[in-house]
Amino acid sequence: MTVLQVSTRSKREIVDLTRLFQKELPQIKKANGLCHLFLLHTTAALTTADLDPGTDLDLLDAFDAVVPKLNYRHPHDPEHVPDHILSSLIGTALLFPVKNGEPLLGDGKGLFWWSSTVRGREKLPSRSCRKINRSIPIDTS
């Protein structure tokens, strides 16, 4: 198992994982098939996007606008409920094709981690993957 390290600098952030994915997973260099990424964290998400300068901030603002400001009843910490909702809406998994070790995401798109309450260095363990299919769990605990 390979463990990737993702650094987050703030509570509310989008981190580009595209280069990290390509650099830190040498076993995919010539792989062809499907890659399955997934998170094991409840206040983060994975997505693909074209992030021109400023688009990350636009996405963060739009994400904030999606979840209504309600009186949430979550027993652990009601302030985290919007983060849990966004994680569920955006998604904690991605499935995408890989050709010759390169993710096929579309023109200008990248792999992105949306972070809400996560801060610091996060561990992303990845299982060794077969040539056809790749399953890479992302654990933030």
N, C-alpha and C. Protein backbone atom coordinates (compact mmCIF):
# COMPACT_ATOMS: atom_id res chain seq x y z
N MET A 1 0.84 -1.19 0.00
CA MET A 1 0.00 0.00 0.00
C MET A 1 0.88 1.24 0.00
N THR A 2 0.55 2.15 -0.86
CA THR A 2 1.23 3.45 -0.95
C THR A 2 0.42 4.46 -0.16
N VAL A 3 1.10 5.34 0.56
CA VAL A 3 0.39 6.39 1.30
C VAL A 3 0.77 7.74 0.71
N LEU A 4 -0.21 8.43 0.20
CA LEU A 4 0.01 9.77 -0.34
C LEU A 4 -0.22 10.79 0.77
N GLN A 5 0.51 11.88 0.72
CA GLN A 5 0.32 12.97 1.68
C GLN A 5 -0.26 14.17 0.95
N VAL A 6 -1.37 14.66 1.47
CA VAL A 6 -1.99 15.86 0.91
C VAL A 6 -1.92 16.95 1.96
N SER A 7 -1.37 18.08 1.60
CA SER A 7 -1.29 19.20 2.54
C SER A 7 -2.45 20.15 2.30
N THR A 8 -3.16 20.45 3.38
CA THR A 8 -4.21 21.47 3.32
C THR A 8 -3.78 22.62 4.21
N ARG A 9 -4.07 23.84 3.75
CA ARG A 9 -3.61 25.02 4.48
C ARG A 9 -4.72 25.73 5.23
N SER A 10 -5.95 25.45 4.84
CA SER A 10 -7.04 26.15 5.49
C SER A 10 -8.25 25.23 5.64
N LYS A 11 -9.23 25.71 6.39
CA LYS A 11 -10.43 24.92 6.65
C LYS A 11 -11.22 24.72 5.37
N ARG A 12 -11.29 25.71 4.55
CA ARG A 12 -12.13 25.70 3.34
C ARG A 12 -11.21 25.81 2.14
N GLU A 13 -11.03 24.68 1.42
CA GLU A 13 -9.99 24.67 0.39
C GLU A 13 -10.28 23.61 -0.67
N ILE A 14 -9.77 23.85 -1.88
CA ILE A 14 -9.77 22.84 -2.94
C ILE A 14 -8.31 22.57 -3.28
N VAL A 15 -7.93 21.29 -3.24
CA VAL A 15 -6.54 20.88 -3.48
C VAL A 15 -6.49 20.09 -4.78
N ASP A 16 -5.59 20.46 -5.68
CA ASP A 16 -5.40 19.75 -6.94
C ASP A 16 -4.62 18.47 -6.67
N LEU A 17 -5.21 17.33 -6.94
CA LEU A 17 -4.56 16.03 -6.72
C LEU A 17 -3.97 15.44 -8.00
N THR A 18 -4.14 16.10 -9.13
CA THR A 18 -3.76 15.51 -10.41
C THR A 18 -2.29 15.16 -10.48
N ARG A 19 -1.42 16.12 -10.21
CA ARG A 19 0.03 15.85 -10.27
C ARG A 19 0.46 14.88 -9.18
N LEU A 20 -0.12 15.02 -7.99
CA LEU A 20 0.20 14.11 -6.90
C LEU A 20 -0.14 12.68 -7.29
N PHE A 21 -1.29 12.49 -7.91
CA PHE A 21 -1.73 11.18 -8.37
C PHE A 21 -0.70 10.60 -9.34
N GLN A 22 -0.26 11.39 -10.30
CA GLN A 22 0.68 10.92 -11.31
C GLN A 22 2.08 10.70 -10.73
N LYS A 23 2.51 11.57 -9.83
CA LYS A 23 3.87 11.50 -9.28
C LYS A 23 4.04 10.39 -8.25
N GLU A 24 3.08 10.26 -7.35
CA GLU A 24 3.23 9.37 -6.20
C GLU A 24 2.77 7.94 -6.42
N LEU A 25 2.20 7.66 -7.58
CA LEU A 25 1.76 6.29 -7.85
C LEU A 25 2.53 5.75 -9.05
N PRO A 26 3.81 5.40 -8.84
CA PRO A 26 4.64 4.96 -9.97
C PRO A 26 4.13 3.69 -10.63
N GLN A 27 3.35 2.88 -9.91
CA GLN A 27 2.85 1.63 -10.49
C GLN A 27 1.84 1.87 -11.60
N ILE A 28 1.36 3.09 -11.79
CA ILE A 28 0.39 3.34 -12.85
C ILE A 28 1.03 3.89 -14.12
N LYS A 29 2.34 4.04 -14.14
CA LYS A 29 3.02 4.72 -15.25
C LYS A 29 2.53 4.28 -16.64
N LYS A 30 2.33 2.98 -16.86
CA LYS A 30 1.91 2.51 -18.18
C LYS A 30 0.56 1.82 -18.11
N ALA A 31 -0.17 2.07 -17.05
CA ALA A 31 -1.45 1.38 -16.84
C ALA A 31 -2.53 1.88 -17.79
N ASN A 32 -3.40 0.96 -18.15
CA ASN A 32 -4.60 1.27 -18.90
C ASN A 32 -5.76 0.61 -18.17
N GLY A 33 -6.84 1.32 -18.00
CA GLY A 33 -7.98 0.73 -17.31
C GLY A 33 -8.78 1.80 -16.60
N LEU A 34 -9.34 1.42 -15.46
CA LEU A 34 -10.15 2.33 -14.66
C LEU A 34 -9.48 2.55 -13.32
N CYS A 35 -9.61 3.77 -12.80
CA CYS A 35 -9.10 4.09 -11.47
C CYS A 35 -10.29 4.50 -10.61
N HIS A 36 -10.33 3.93 -9.43
CA HIS A 36 -11.39 4.26 -8.48
C HIS A 36 -10.74 4.91 -7.26
N LEU A 37 -11.01 6.18 -7.04
CA LEU A 37 -10.54 6.92 -5.87
C LEU A 37 -11.69 7.07 -4.90
N PHE A 38 -11.42 6.92 -3.61
CA PHE A 38 -12.48 7.18 -2.64
C PHE A 38 -11.90 7.66 -1.33
N LEU A 39 -12.69 8.46 -0.63
CA LEU A 39 -12.31 9.05 0.65
C LEU A 39 -12.92 8.27 1.80
N LEU A 40 -12.22 8.27 2.90
CA LEU A 40 -12.74 7.68 4.12
C LEU A 40 -12.96 8.77 5.16
N HIS A 41 -13.31 9.96 4.69
CA HIS A 41 -13.51 11.11 5.59
C HIS A 41 -14.90 11.70 5.33
N THR A 42 -15.54 12.21 6.35
CA THR A 42 -16.93 12.64 6.22
C THR A 42 -17.13 14.13 5.93
N THR A 43 -16.06 14.92 5.94
CA THR A 43 -16.21 16.34 5.63
C THR A 43 -15.23 16.75 4.53
N ALA A 44 -15.09 15.88 3.55
CA ALA A 44 -14.26 16.16 2.38
C ALA A 44 -14.92 15.46 1.20
N ALA A 45 -14.48 15.79 -0.01
CA ALA A 45 -15.07 15.18 -1.19
C ALA A 45 -14.06 15.19 -2.33
N LEU A 46 -14.35 14.41 -3.36
CA LEU A 46 -13.52 14.35 -4.56
C LEU A 46 -14.37 14.75 -5.76
N THR A 47 -13.74 15.45 -6.69
CA THR A 47 -14.46 15.82 -7.91
C THR A 47 -13.45 16.08 -9.02
N THR A 48 -13.94 16.23 -10.22
CA THR A 48 -13.11 16.70 -11.33
C THR A 48 -13.64 18.07 -11.72
N ALA A 49 -12.74 18.92 -12.17
CA ALA A 49 -13.15 20.26 -12.56
C ALA A 49 -12.05 20.91 -13.40
N ASP A 50 -12.41 21.95 -14.12
CA ASP A 50 -11.47 22.80 -14.83
C ASP A 50 -11.28 24.02 -13.94
N LEU A 51 -10.15 24.09 -13.27
CA LEU A 51 -9.96 25.19 -12.32
C LEU A 51 -9.02 26.25 -12.88
N ASP A 52 -9.57 27.13 -13.67
CA ASP A 52 -8.82 28.31 -14.07
C ASP A 52 -8.66 29.18 -12.83
N PRO A 53 -7.73 30.15 -12.84
CA PRO A 53 -7.54 30.99 -11.66
C PRO A 53 -8.86 31.61 -11.18
N GLY A 54 -9.14 31.44 -9.91
CA GLY A 54 -10.34 31.99 -9.29
C GLY A 54 -11.52 31.03 -9.28
N THR A 55 -11.48 30.02 -10.14
CA THR A 55 -12.60 29.08 -10.20
C THR A 55 -12.72 28.28 -8.90
N ASP A 56 -11.59 28.00 -8.25
CA ASP A 56 -11.65 27.28 -6.97
C ASP A 56 -12.45 28.09 -5.94
N LEU A 57 -12.24 29.39 -5.91
CA LEU A 57 -12.99 30.24 -4.98
C LEU A 57 -14.46 30.32 -5.37
N ASP A 58 -14.73 30.35 -6.69
CA ASP A 58 -16.12 30.34 -7.16
C ASP A 58 -16.81 29.05 -6.72
N LEU A 59 -16.12 27.92 -6.85
CA LEU A 59 -16.70 26.64 -6.41
C LEU A 59 -16.98 26.64 -4.91
N LEU A 60 -16.02 27.13 -4.13
CA LEU A 60 -16.21 27.17 -2.67
C LEU A 60 -17.41 28.03 -2.31
N ASP A 61 -17.55 29.18 -2.95
CA ASP A 61 -18.70 30.06 -2.69
C ASP A 61 -20.01 29.38 -3.09
N ALA A 62 -20.00 28.71 -4.26
CA ALA A 62 -21.21 28.01 -4.72
C ALA A 62 -21.57 26.87 -3.77
N PHE A 63 -20.56 26.11 -3.32
CA PHE A 63 -20.82 25.03 -2.37
C PHE A 63 -21.48 25.57 -1.10
N ASP A 64 -20.96 26.71 -0.61
CA ASP A 64 -21.55 27.31 0.59
C ASP A 64 -23.00 27.72 0.37
N ALA A 65 -23.31 28.19 -0.84
CA ALA A 65 -24.66 28.65 -1.14
C ALA A 65 -25.65 27.49 -1.31
N VAL A 66 -25.16 26.31 -1.60
CA VAL A 66 -26.03 25.15 -1.85
C VAL A 66 -26.73 24.68 -0.57
N VAL A 67 -26.03 24.72 0.54
CA VAL A 67 -26.56 24.17 1.79
C VAL A 67 -27.25 25.28 2.59
N PRO A 68 -28.52 25.09 2.89
CA PRO A 68 -29.24 26.13 3.64
C PRO A 68 -28.73 26.25 5.08
N LYS A 69 -28.88 27.43 5.60
CA LYS A 69 -28.52 27.70 7.00
C LYS A 69 -29.73 27.33 7.85
N LEU A 70 -29.68 26.16 8.47
CA LEU A 70 -30.79 25.65 9.28
C LEU A 70 -30.32 25.39 10.70
N ASN A 71 -31.24 25.07 11.56
CA ASN A 71 -30.92 24.67 12.93
C ASN A 71 -30.72 23.15 12.92
N TYR A 72 -29.50 22.70 12.64
CA TYR A 72 -29.21 21.28 12.49
C TYR A 72 -29.16 20.59 13.85
N ARG A 73 -29.50 19.31 13.86
CA ARG A 73 -29.60 18.54 15.10
C ARG A 73 -28.49 17.52 15.29
N HIS A 74 -27.45 17.55 14.52
CA HIS A 74 -26.35 16.59 14.61
C HIS A 74 -25.77 16.62 16.03
N PRO A 75 -25.78 15.49 16.75
CA PRO A 75 -25.37 15.51 18.16
C PRO A 75 -23.89 15.82 18.39
N HIS A 76 -23.04 15.42 17.46
CA HIS A 76 -21.60 15.63 17.65
C HIS A 76 -21.24 17.11 17.58
N ASP A 77 -21.60 17.75 16.47
CA ASP A 77 -21.31 19.17 16.28
C ASP A 77 -22.20 19.68 15.15
N PRO A 78 -23.30 20.34 15.48
CA PRO A 78 -24.24 20.81 14.45
C PRO A 78 -23.59 21.70 13.38
N GLU A 79 -22.49 22.36 13.72
CA GLU A 79 -21.82 23.22 12.74
C GLU A 79 -21.20 22.41 11.59
N HIS A 80 -20.96 21.11 11.81
CA HIS A 80 -20.38 20.26 10.76
C HIS A 80 -21.41 19.71 9.78
N VAL A 81 -22.69 19.85 10.08
CA VAL A 81 -23.72 19.26 9.23
C VAL A 81 -23.63 19.77 7.78
N PRO A 82 -23.46 21.07 7.53
CA PRO A 82 -23.31 21.50 6.14
C PRO A 82 -22.13 20.81 5.45
N ASP A 83 -21.05 20.56 6.18
CA ASP A 83 -19.89 19.88 5.60
C ASP A 83 -20.23 18.43 5.24
N HIS A 84 -20.97 17.76 6.12
CA HIS A 84 -21.40 16.38 5.83
C HIS A 84 -22.34 16.35 4.62
N ILE A 85 -23.22 17.32 4.53
CA ILE A 85 -24.16 17.39 3.41
C ILE A 85 -23.40 17.60 2.11
N LEU A 86 -22.47 18.55 2.10
CA LEU A 86 -21.70 18.80 0.88
C LEU A 86 -20.86 17.59 0.48
N SER A 87 -20.27 16.91 1.45
CA SER A 87 -19.51 15.70 1.15
C SER A 87 -20.39 14.68 0.46
N SER A 88 -21.63 14.54 0.95
CA SER A 88 -22.56 13.59 0.32
C SER A 88 -22.98 14.04 -1.07
N LEU A 89 -23.22 15.34 -1.25
CA LEU A 89 -23.66 15.86 -2.54
C LEU A 89 -22.55 15.83 -3.60
N ILE A 90 -21.36 16.26 -3.22
CA ILE A 90 -20.24 16.30 -4.16
C ILE A 90 -19.76 14.88 -4.43
N GLY A 91 -19.64 14.09 -3.38
CA GLY A 91 -19.24 12.69 -3.53
C GLY A 91 -17.87 12.41 -2.94
N THR A 92 -17.72 11.19 -2.49
CA THR A 92 -16.45 10.78 -1.89
C THR A 92 -15.73 9.75 -2.76
N ALA A 93 -16.19 9.58 -3.99
CA ALA A 93 -15.56 8.62 -4.89
C ALA A 93 -15.55 9.14 -6.32
N LEU A 94 -14.53 8.73 -7.06
CA LEU A 94 -14.42 9.04 -8.49
C LEU A 94 -14.01 7.76 -9.22
N LEU A 95 -14.56 7.55 -10.38
CA LEU A 95 -14.17 6.47 -11.26
C LEU A 95 -13.85 7.10 -12.61
N PHE A 96 -12.62 6.89 -13.08
CA PHE A 96 -12.22 7.51 -14.34
C PHE A 96 -11.26 6.60 -15.09
N PRO A 97 -11.21 6.73 -16.43
CA PRO A 97 -10.29 5.92 -17.21
C PRO A 97 -8.86 6.43 -17.11
N VAL A 98 -7.92 5.50 -17.25
CA VAL A 98 -6.49 5.82 -17.26
C VAL A 98 -5.90 5.19 -18.53
N LYS A 99 -5.14 5.98 -19.28
CA LYS A 99 -4.48 5.47 -20.47
C LYS A 99 -3.01 5.84 -20.41
N ASN A 100 -2.16 4.82 -20.49
CA ASN A 100 -0.71 5.01 -20.38
C ASN A 100 -0.34 5.80 -19.13
N GLY A 101 -1.03 5.51 -18.04
CA GLY A 101 -0.73 6.14 -16.76
C GLY A 101 -1.30 7.53 -16.58
N GLU A 102 -1.99 8.05 -17.57
CA GLU A 102 -2.56 9.40 -17.50
C GLU A 102 -4.06 9.32 -17.28
N PRO A 103 -4.59 10.05 -16.28
CA PRO A 103 -6.04 10.08 -16.12
C PRO A 103 -6.70 10.77 -17.31
N LEU A 104 -7.72 10.16 -17.87
CA LEU A 104 -8.47 10.75 -18.98
C LEU A 104 -9.68 11.46 -18.40
N LEU A 105 -9.54 12.76 -18.20
CA LEU A 105 -10.56 13.54 -17.50
C LEU A 105 -11.27 14.55 -18.38
N GLY A 106 -10.79 14.77 -19.58
CA GLY A 106 -11.34 15.81 -20.44
C GLY A 106 -10.39 17.00 -20.48
N ASP A 107 -10.57 17.84 -21.46
CA ASP A 107 -9.68 18.99 -21.64
C ASP A 107 -9.64 19.89 -20.42
N GLY A 108 -8.45 20.10 -19.90
CA GLY A 108 -8.25 21.04 -18.80
C GLY A 108 -8.74 20.60 -17.44
N LYS A 109 -9.30 19.40 -17.34
CA LYS A 109 -9.84 18.96 -16.05
C LYS A 109 -8.74 18.33 -15.19
N GLY A 110 -8.94 18.39 -13.89
CA GLY A 110 -8.04 17.77 -12.95
C GLY A 110 -8.83 17.06 -11.87
N LEU A 111 -8.10 16.33 -11.02
CA LEU A 111 -8.67 15.66 -9.86
C LEU A 111 -8.56 16.60 -8.67
N PHE A 112 -9.66 16.81 -7.95
CA PHE A 112 -9.62 17.77 -6.86
C PHE A 112 -10.24 17.22 -5.59
N TRP A 113 -9.64 17.61 -4.49
CA TRP A 113 -10.10 17.27 -3.15
C TRP A 113 -10.73 18.54 -2.58
N TRP A 114 -11.99 18.47 -2.22
CA TRP A 114 -12.64 19.58 -1.53
C TRP A 114 -12.51 19.31 -0.04
N SER A 115 -11.99 20.27 0.69
CA SER A 115 -11.76 20.12 2.11
C SER A 115 -12.59 21.16 2.86
N SER A 116 -13.26 20.70 3.90
CA SER A 116 -14.06 21.62 4.69
C SER A 116 -13.50 21.78 6.08
N THR A 117 -13.46 20.71 6.83
CA THR A 117 -12.96 20.83 8.21
C THR A 117 -11.59 20.19 8.37
N VAL A 118 -11.03 19.70 7.29
CA VAL A 118 -9.72 19.04 7.34
C VAL A 118 -8.64 20.10 7.25
N ARG A 119 -7.61 19.98 8.10
CA ARG A 119 -6.47 20.89 8.05
C ARG A 119 -5.19 20.13 8.32
N GLY A 120 -4.09 20.52 7.69
CA GLY A 120 -2.80 19.90 7.95
C GLY A 120 -2.41 18.92 6.86
N ARG A 121 -1.66 17.89 7.26
CA ARG A 121 -1.22 16.87 6.32
C ARG A 121 -2.14 15.68 6.44
N GLU A 122 -2.72 15.30 5.35
CA GLU A 122 -3.67 14.19 5.33
C GLU A 122 -3.06 13.00 4.64
N LYS A 123 -3.29 11.82 5.18
CA LYS A 123 -2.78 10.59 4.60
C LYS A 123 -3.80 10.02 3.63
N LEU A 124 -3.31 9.60 2.48
CA LEU A 124 -4.15 8.99 1.46
C LEU A 124 -3.56 7.63 1.10
N PRO A 125 -3.88 6.58 1.86
CA PRO A 125 -3.34 5.28 1.51
C PRO A 125 -3.92 4.81 0.19
N SER A 126 -3.10 4.18 -0.61
CA SER A 126 -3.59 3.63 -1.88
C SER A 126 -3.17 2.18 -1.98
N ARG A 127 -4.11 1.34 -2.31
CA ARG A 127 -3.81 -0.07 -2.47
C ARG A 127 -3.10 -0.28 -3.79
N SER A 128 -2.20 -1.27 -3.80
CA SER A 128 -1.60 -1.61 -5.08
C SER A 128 -2.72 -2.09 -5.99
N CYS A 129 -2.64 -1.72 -7.22
CA CYS A 129 -3.77 -1.94 -8.12
C CYS A 129 -3.36 -2.84 -9.27
N ARG A 130 -4.32 -3.60 -9.75
CA ARG A 130 -4.10 -4.44 -10.91
C ARG A 130 -4.02 -3.58 -12.16
N LYS A 131 -3.55 -4.16 -13.23
CA LYS A 131 -3.36 -3.44 -14.47
C LYS A 131 -4.66 -2.86 -15.03
N ILE A 132 -5.75 -3.56 -14.88
CA ILE A 132 -7.01 -3.11 -15.47
C ILE A 132 -7.73 -2.12 -14.57
N ASN A 133 -7.89 -2.45 -13.31
CA ASN A 133 -8.65 -1.58 -12.42
C ASN A 133 -7.79 -1.14 -11.24
N ARG A 134 -7.94 0.09 -10.84
CA ARG A 134 -7.19 0.64 -9.72
C ARG A 134 -8.18 1.13 -8.66
N SER A 135 -7.96 0.72 -7.43
CA SER A 135 -8.82 1.17 -6.34
C SER A 135 -7.93 1.84 -5.31
N ILE A 136 -8.14 3.12 -5.09
CA ILE A 136 -7.25 3.89 -4.24
C ILE A 136 -8.06 4.54 -3.12
N PRO A 137 -8.03 3.95 -1.91
CA PRO A 137 -8.75 4.58 -0.81
C PRO A 137 -8.01 5.82 -0.32
N ILE A 138 -8.74 6.81 0.09
CA ILE A 138 -8.15 8.02 0.63
C ILE A 138 -8.64 8.16 2.06
N ASP A 139 -7.72 8.04 3.00
CA ASP A 139 -8.08 8.02 4.41
C ASP A 139 -7.52 9.27 5.08
N THR A 140 -8.34 10.01 5.77
CA THR A 140 -7.88 11.23 6.42
C THR A 140 -7.77 11.07 7.93
N SER A 141 -7.90 9.85 8.42
CA SER A 141 -7.83 9.67 9.87
C SER A 141 -6.41 9.49 10.35
